[in-house]
């Protein structure tokens, strides 16, 4: 089983060199898969932020109910 990368290991990755070696890949700071948003450190920070923003925007709809 593969252990998650540490912050130090992720910091050592040179994304510019990686982008040159793999020109057909698009690199992103976050991805969304199956409705879950993960950032480059594989945390749920952005997912929770988007989810709470969406829920906050839905609160006025609850007043109608």
Protein backbone atom coordinates (compact mmCIF):
# COMPACT_ATOMS: atom_id res chain seq x y z
CA UNK A 1 0.00 0.00 0.00
CA UNK A 2 1.33 3.41 -0.98
CA UNK A 3 1.78 5.97 1.78
CA UNK A 4 0.71 9.58 1.07
CA UNK A 5 3.38 12.04 0.07
CA UNK A 6 4.66 14.42 2.73
CA UNK A 7 4.80 18.18 2.35
CA UNK A 8 8.57 17.96 1.93
CA UNK A 9 8.29 15.41 -0.87
CA UNK A 10 5.67 17.49 -2.69
CA UNK A 11 7.81 20.62 -2.32
CA UNK A 12 10.72 18.82 -4.04
CA UNK A 13 8.75 18.19 -7.23
CA UNK A 14 9.76 20.62 -9.97
CA UNK A 15 6.51 21.16 -11.85
CA UNK A 16 8.19 23.11 -14.67
CA UNK A 17 10.49 20.19 -15.49
CA UNK A 18 7.60 17.76 -15.14
CA UNK A 19 5.49 19.86 -17.53
CA UNK A 20 8.34 19.82 -20.08
CA UNK A 21 8.72 16.06 -19.77
CA UNK A 22 4.96 15.48 -20.08
CA UNK A 23 3.73 18.20 -22.48
CA UNK A 24 0.37 16.52 -23.14
CA UNK A 25 -0.67 16.54 -19.49
CA UNK A 26 -2.52 19.51 -18.02
CA UNK A 27 -1.46 20.28 -14.46
CA UNK A 28 -3.90 21.81 -12.02
CA UNK A 29 -3.78 22.87 -8.38
CA UNK A 30 -7.04 21.02 -7.72
CA UNK A 31 -9.19 18.34 -9.35
CA UNK A 32 -12.79 17.26 -8.99
CA UNK A 33 -13.68 13.59 -9.28
CA UNK A 34 -16.95 11.93 -8.29
CA UNK A 35 -18.09 15.23 -6.76
CA UNK A 36 -15.09 15.53 -4.45
CA UNK A 37 -12.57 18.35 -4.89
CA UNK A 38 -8.99 17.58 -3.89
CA UNK A 39 -6.13 20.04 -3.83
CA UNK A 40 -2.50 19.37 -4.68
CA UNK A 41 -1.83 18.12 -1.13
CA UNK A 42 -4.83 15.74 -1.26
CA UNK A 43 -6.74 17.57 1.45
CA UNK A 44 -10.42 18.44 1.54
CA UNK A 45 -9.88 22.18 2.23
CA UNK A 46 -11.21 23.37 -1.12
CA UNK A 47 -14.01 20.78 -1.11
CA UNK A 48 -15.23 21.91 2.32
CA UNK A 49 -14.98 25.54 1.30
CA UNK A 50 -17.05 24.97 -1.85
CA UNK A 51 -19.56 22.84 0.02
CA UNK A 52 -20.06 25.39 2.80
CA UNK A 53 -20.41 28.18 0.20
CA UNK A 54 -23.05 26.16 -1.65
CA UNK A 55 -24.95 25.38 1.57
CA UNK A 56 -24.85 29.02 2.67
CA UNK A 57 -26.35 30.06 -0.67
CA UNK A 58 -29.16 27.52 -0.23
CA UNK A 59 -30.23 28.84 3.19
CA UNK A 60 -32.71 31.38 1.78
CA UNK A 61 -34.53 28.49 0.08
CA UNK A 62 -35.18 26.94 3.51
CA UNK A 63 -37.14 30.03 4.57
CA UNK A 64 -39.67 29.23 1.86
CA UNK A 65 -40.20 25.74 3.25
